[in-house]
Amino acid sequence: MPRTGHVKKINVAPDPIYQNYVVAKLINKVMVEGKKAVAQKIVYGAFDVIKAKGQDPLATFEKALENISPKTEVRPRRVGGASYMVPIEVRGPRRQALAISWLVGASRARSAKEVERLKNKPLAISKLATEILEAAQGTGKAVAKREEIHRMAEANKAFSHFRW
């Protein structure tokens, strides 16, 4: 991030199947070492699993993101030689980026024992599908991460007058 000037926002092209920008961002976050085709197989495979369970994959994914998105977070602020964790409100694009990042991180952190393994499907598909379904219900590790961030913000509410 530059000290001066404004960073231009990069617009992501929508994904090929659902024509959705948020799904494209999820694919880009799942992608490792530039292997976009593998990431697309994982995301679309997870959406197929959700569809097989009788739910609309896009609606379920949107509900999951809504449940994961943080309202407030804490940012460090140096005042007089001391560093305070100041709670601030999270806005728009950062809220979405954090939610997607936490969703992917929670699905990667899952062990193989925690998910229902599907026949002839990679483990990553099962993990991502399970995490999306749990987040849509308001449970799961990504939702727990949001709750932890909110608890920290609530605990540091006394330092909110240092907000800038």
C-alpha atoms as a PDB file:
ATOM      1  CA  MET A   1       0.000   0.000   0.000  1.00  0.00           C
ATOM      2  CA  PRO A   2       1.568   3.306  -0.996  1.00  0.00           C
ATOM      3  CA  ARG A   3       2.025   6.106   1.501  1.00  0.00           C
ATOM      4  CA  THR A   4       0.565   8.628  -0.922  1.00  0.00           C
ATOM      5  CA  GLY A   5      -2.036   8.322  -3.629  1.00  0.00           C
ATOM      6  CA  HIS A   6      -4.942   6.004  -4.079  1.00  0.00           C
ATOM      7  CA  VAL A   7      -4.806   2.302  -4.897  1.00  0.00           C
ATOM      8  CA  LYS A   8      -7.029   1.486  -7.860  1.00  0.00           C
ATOM      9  CA  LYS A   9      -9.609  -1.214  -7.242  1.00  0.00           C
ATOM     10  CA  ILE A  10      -9.160  -4.255  -9.474  1.00  0.00           C
ATOM     11  CA  ASN A  11     -12.434  -5.454 -10.953  1.00  0.00           C
ATOM     12  CA  VAL A  12     -12.779  -9.224 -11.074  1.00  0.00           C
ATOM     13  CA  ALA A  13     -14.572 -10.817 -14.019  1.00  0.00           C
ATOM     14  CA  PRO A  14     -17.648 -12.876 -13.061  1.00  0.00           C
ATOM     15  CA  ASP A  15     -17.302 -16.633 -12.901  1.00  0.00           C
ATOM     16  CA  PRO A  16     -18.215 -18.616 -16.052  1.00  0.00           C
ATOM     17  CA  ILE A  17     -21.126 -20.689 -14.688  1.00  0.00           C
ATOM     18  CA  TYR A  18     -23.066 -18.493 -12.232  1.00  0.00           C
ATOM     19  CA  GLN A  19     -21.994 -15.091 -13.660  1.00  0.00           C
ATOM     20  CA  ASN A  20     -21.434 -13.924 -10.087  1.00  0.00           C
ATOM     21  CA  TYR A  21     -18.574 -11.678  -8.930  1.00  0.00           C
ATOM     22  CA  VAL A  22     -18.524 -13.018  -5.366  1.00  0.00           C
ATOM     23  CA  VAL A  23     -18.203 -16.622  -6.587  1.00  0.00           C
ATOM     24  CA  ALA A  24     -15.294 -15.466  -8.782  1.00  0.00           C
ATOM     25  CA  LYS A  25     -13.628 -13.972  -5.693  1.00  0.00           C
ATOM     26  CA  LEU A  26     -14.153 -17.258  -3.838  1.00  0.00           C
ATOM     27  CA  ILE A  27     -12.523 -19.156  -6.714  1.00  0.00           C
ATOM     28  CA  ASN A  28      -9.561 -16.764  -6.663  1.00  0.00           C
ATOM     29  CA  LYS A  29      -9.188 -17.227  -2.895  1.00  0.00           C
ATOM     30  CA  VAL A  30      -9.328 -21.034  -3.167  1.00  0.00           C
ATOM     31  CA  MET A  31      -6.744 -20.955  -5.979  1.00  0.00           C
ATOM     32  CA  VAL A  32      -3.234 -22.114  -5.033  1.00  0.00           C
ATOM     33  CA  GLU A  33      -0.140 -21.516  -7.184  1.00  0.00           C
ATOM     34  CA  GLY A  34      -2.172 -20.076 -10.064  1.00  0.00           C
ATOM     35  CA  LYS A  35      -4.184 -23.251 -10.719  1.00  0.00           C
ATOM     36  CA  LYS A  36      -7.541 -21.671 -11.437  1.00  0.00           C
ATOM     37  CA  ALA A  37      -9.046 -24.744 -13.126  1.00  0.00           C
ATOM     38  CA  VAL A  38      -8.440 -26.800  -9.979  1.00  0.00           C
ATOM     39  CA  ALA A  39      -9.979 -24.050  -7.833  1.00  0.00           C
ATOM     40  CA  GLN A  40     -13.034 -23.909 -10.104  1.00  0.00           C
ATOM     41  CA  LYS A  41     -13.475 -27.698  -9.804  1.00  0.00           C
ATOM     42  CA  ILE A  42     -13.349 -27.421  -6.012  1.00  0.00           C
ATOM     43  CA  VAL A  43     -15.859 -24.545  -5.789  1.00  0.00           C
ATOM     44  CA  TYR A  44     -18.274 -25.915  -8.388  1.00  0.00           C
ATOM     45  CA  GLY A  45     -17.976 -29.397  -6.852  1.00  0.00           C
ATOM     46  CA  ALA A  46     -18.889 -27.942  -3.456  1.00  0.00           C
ATOM     47  CA  PHE A  47     -21.853 -26.150  -5.042  1.00  0.00           C
ATOM     48  CA  ASP A  48     -22.939 -29.467  -6.620  1.00  0.00           C
ATOM     49  CA  VAL A  49     -22.835 -31.105  -3.181  1.00  0.00           C
ATOM     50  CA  ILE A  50     -25.004 -28.287  -1.778  1.00  0.00           C
ATOM     51  CA  LYS A  51     -27.417 -28.701  -4.706  1.00  0.00           C
ATOM     52  CA  ALA A  52     -27.553 -32.470  -4.073  1.00  0.00           C
ATOM     53  CA  LYS A  53     -28.608 -31.751  -0.476  1.00  0.00           C
ATOM     54  CA  GLY A  54     -31.650 -29.894  -1.851  1.00  0.00           C
ATOM     55  CA  GLN A  55     -30.528 -26.280  -1.374  1.00  0.00           C
ATOM     56  CA  ASP A  56     -29.849 -23.488  -3.822  1.00  0.00           C
ATOM     57  CA  PRO A  57     -26.037 -23.138  -3.886  1.00  0.00           C
ATOM     58  CA  LEU A  58     -25.923 -19.385  -4.553  1.00  0.00           C
ATOM     59  CA  ALA A  59     -28.509 -18.546  -1.903  1.00  0.00           C
ATOM     60  CA  THR A  60     -26.757 -20.810   0.616  1.00  0.00           C
ATOM     61  CA  PHE A  61     -23.385 -19.229  -0.184  1.00  0.00           C
ATOM     62  CA  GLU A  62     -24.815 -15.701   0.175  1.00  0.00           C
ATOM     63  CA  LYS A  63     -26.426 -16.644   3.517  1.00  0.00           C
ATOM     64  CA  ALA A  64     -23.103 -18.129   4.685  1.00  0.00           C
ATOM     65  CA  LEU A  65     -21.215 -14.944   3.766  1.00  0.00           C
ATOM     66  CA  GLU A  66     -23.831 -12.860   5.563  1.00  0.00           C
ATOM     67  CA  ASN A  67     -23.360 -14.963   8.710  1.00  0.00           C
ATOM     68  CA  ILE A  68     -19.538 -14.773   8.518  1.00  0.00           C
ATOM     69  CA  SER A  69     -19.173 -11.059   7.676  1.00  0.00           C
ATOM     70  CA  PRO A  70     -17.810  -9.064  10.634  1.00  0.00           C
ATOM     71  CA  LYS A  71     -19.481  -5.834  11.739  1.00  0.00           C
ATOM     72  CA  THR A  72     -16.540  -4.538  13.799  1.00  0.00           C
ATOM     73  CA  GLU A  73     -12.861  -5.370  14.149  1.00  0.00           C
ATOM     74  CA  VAL A  74      -9.924  -4.129  16.208  1.00  0.00           C
ATOM     75  CA  ARG A  75      -7.006  -2.218  14.700  1.00  0.00           C
ATOM     76  CA  PRO A  76      -3.848  -1.245  16.595  1.00  0.00           C
ATOM     77  CA  ARG A  77      -3.366   2.473  17.236  1.00  0.00           C
ATOM     78  CA  ARG A  78      -0.231   3.939  18.810  1.00  0.00           C
ATOM     79  CA  VAL A  79      -0.925   6.745  21.246  1.00  0.00           C
ATOM     80  CA  GLY A  80       1.847   8.197  23.391  1.00  0.00           C
ATOM     81  CA  GLY A  81       4.160   5.197  23.193  1.00  0.00           C
ATOM     82  CA  ALA A  82       1.447   2.683  24.009  1.00  0.00           C
ATOM     83  CA  SER A  83      -0.403   0.560  21.489  1.00  0.00           C
ATOM     84  CA  TYR A  84      -4.169   0.245  21.891  1.00  0.00           C
ATOM     85  CA  MET A  85      -6.505  -2.097  20.077  1.00  0.00           C
ATOM     86  CA  VAL A  86      -9.238   0.236  18.854  1.00  0.00           C
ATOM     87  CA  PRO A  87     -12.574  -1.206  17.650  1.00  0.00           C
ATOM     88  CA  ILE A  88     -13.697   0.159  14.279  1.00  0.00           C
ATOM     89  CA  GLU A  89     -16.584  -0.606  11.958  1.00  0.00           C
ATOM     90  CA  VAL A  90     -15.800  -2.786   8.935  1.00  0.00           C
ATOM     91  CA  ARG A  91     -17.175  -1.468   5.650  1.00  0.00           C
ATOM     92  CA  GLY A  92     -18.153  -3.042   2.314  1.00  0.00           C
ATOM     93  CA  PRO A  93     -15.330  -4.665   0.343  1.00  0.00           C
ATOM     94  CA  ARG A  94     -13.181  -5.457   3.402  1.00  0.00           C
ATOM     95  CA  ARG A  95     -16.133  -7.138   5.111  1.00  0.00           C
ATOM     96  CA  GLN A  96     -16.657  -9.365   2.070  1.00  0.00           C
ATOM     97  CA  ALA A  97     -12.932 -10.076   1.690  1.00  0.00           C
ATOM     98  CA  LEU A  98     -12.598 -11.077   5.348  1.00  0.00           C
ATOM     99  CA  ALA A  99     -15.658 -13.337   5.122  1.00  0.00           C
ATOM    100  CA  ILE A 100     -14.341 -15.159   2.037  1.00  0.00           C
ATOM    101  CA  SER A 101     -10.871 -15.452   3.548  1.00  0.00           C
ATOM    102  CA  TRP A 102     -12.224 -16.894   6.807  1.00  0.00           C
ATOM    103  CA  LEU A 103     -14.471 -19.322   4.910  1.00  0.00           C
ATOM    104  CA  VAL A 104     -11.570 -20.699   2.856  1.00  0.00           C
ATOM    105  CA  GLY A 105      -9.244 -20.776   5.871  1.00  0.00           C
ATOM    106  CA  ALA A 106     -11.787 -22.638   7.992  1.00  0.00           C
ATOM    107  CA  SER A 107     -12.443 -25.180   5.245  1.00  0.00           C
ATOM    108  CA  ARG A 108      -8.690 -25.817   4.822  1.00  0.00           C
ATOM    109  CA  ALA A 109      -8.231 -26.179   8.583  1.00  0.00           C
ATOM    110  CA  ARG A 110     -10.856 -28.929   8.819  1.00  0.00           C
ATOM    111  CA  SER A 111      -9.595 -32.435   9.391  1.00  0.00           C
ATOM    112  CA  ALA A 112     -10.733 -35.349   7.239  1.00  0.00           C
ATOM    113  CA  LYS A 113     -12.577 -36.821  10.235  1.00  0.00           C
ATOM    114  CA  GLU A 114     -14.838 -33.764  10.543  1.00  0.00           C
ATOM    115  CA  VAL A 115     -16.386 -34.029   7.076  1.00  0.00           C
ATOM    116  CA  GLU A 116     -18.587 -36.568   5.357  1.00  0.00           C
ATOM    117  CA  ARG A 117     -16.295 -37.907   2.626  1.00  0.00           C
ATOM    118  CA  LEU A 118     -17.959 -38.153  -0.765  1.00  0.00           C
ATOM    119  CA  LYS A 119     -17.221 -40.971  -3.172  1.00  0.00           C
ATOM    120  CA  ASN A 120     -15.009 -40.076  -6.148  1.00  0.00           C
ATOM    121  CA  LYS A 121     -14.652 -36.474  -4.941  1.00  0.00           C
ATOM    122  CA  PRO A 122     -11.526 -34.745  -3.614  1.00  0.00           C
ATOM    123  CA  LEU A 123     -11.438 -34.001   0.101  1.00  0.00           C
ATOM    124  CA  ALA A 124     -11.261 -30.237  -0.544  1.00  0.00           C
ATOM    125  CA  ILE A 125     -14.743 -30.296  -2.103  1.00  0.00           C
ATOM    126  CA  SER A 126     -16.212 -32.009   0.973  1.00  0.00           C
ATOM    127  CA  LYS A 127     -14.484 -29.581   3.321  1.00  0.00           C
ATOM    128  CA  LEU A 128     -15.646 -26.465   1.457  1.00  0.00           C
ATOM    129  CA  ALA A 129     -19.217 -27.742   1.072  1.00  0.00           C
ATOM    130  CA  THR A 130     -19.420 -28.628   4.778  1.00  0.00           C
ATOM    131  CA  GLU A 131     -18.091 -25.232   5.832  1.00  0.00           C
ATOM    132  CA  ILE A 132     -20.518 -23.346   3.556  1.00  0.00           C
ATOM    133  CA  LEU A 133     -23.482 -25.386   4.823  1.00  0.00           C
ATOM    134  CA  GLU A 134     -22.490 -24.905   8.470  1.00  0.00           C
ATOM    135  CA  ALA A 135     -21.876 -21.170   7.990  1.00  0.00           C
ATOM    136  CA  ALA A 136     -25.313 -20.803   6.387  1.00  0.00           C
ATOM    137  CA  GLN A 137     -26.807 -22.343   9.543  1.00  0.00           C
ATOM    138  CA  GLY A 138     -24.769 -20.016  11.785  1.00  0.00           C
ATOM    139  CA  THR A 139     -22.291 -22.604  13.042  1.00  0.00           C
ATOM    140  CA  GLY A 140     -18.822 -23.642  11.934  1.00  0.00           C
ATOM    141  CA  LYS A 141     -15.283 -22.372  12.410  1.00  0.00           C
ATOM    142  CA  ALA A 142     -15.655 -19.282  10.202  1.00  0.00           C
ATOM    143  CA  VAL A 143     -18.636 -18.059  12.245  1.00  0.00           C
ATOM    144  CA  ALA A 144     -16.657 -18.763  15.438  1.00  0.00           C
ATOM    145  CA  LYS A 145     -13.857 -16.566  14.055  1.00  0.00           C
ATOM    146  CA  ARG A 146     -16.338 -13.714  13.520  1.00  0.00           C
ATOM    147  CA  GLU A 147     -17.670 -14.135  17.055  1.00  0.00           C
ATOM    148  CA  GLU A 148     -14.106 -14.028  18.415  1.00  0.00           C
ATOM    149  CA  ILE A 149     -13.396 -10.778  16.536  1.00  0.00           C
ATOM    150  CA  HIS A 150     -16.636  -9.262  17.855  1.00  0.00           C
ATOM    151  CA  ARG A 151     -15.721 -10.320  21.418  1.00  0.00           C
ATOM    152  CA  MET A 152     -12.319  -8.607  21.092  1.00  0.00           C
ATOM    153  CA  ALA A 153     -13.985  -5.440  19.782  1.00  0.00           C
ATOM    154  CA  GLU A 154     -16.463  -5.490  22.661  1.00  0.00           C
ATOM    155  CA  ALA A 155     -13.669  -6.015  25.212  1.00  0.00           C
ATOM    156  CA  ASN A 156     -11.715  -3.034  23.823  1.00  0.00           C
ATOM    157  CA  LYS A 157     -14.726  -0.726  23.597  1.00  0.00           C
ATOM    158  CA  ALA A 158     -13.120   1.520  26.236  1.00  0.00           C
ATOM    159  CA  PHE A 159     -10.490   2.585  23.675  1.00  0.00           C
ATOM    160  CA  SER A 160     -13.015   3.586  21.014  1.00  0.00           C
ATOM    161  CA  HIS A 161     -12.315   7.287  21.667  1.00  0.00           C
ATOM    162  CA  PHE A 162      -8.893   6.724  19.978  1.00  0.00           C
ATOM    163  CA  ARG A 163     -10.689   6.030  16.682  1.00  0.00           C
ATOM    164  CA  TRP A 164      -9.296   8.022  13.775  1.00  0.00           C
END
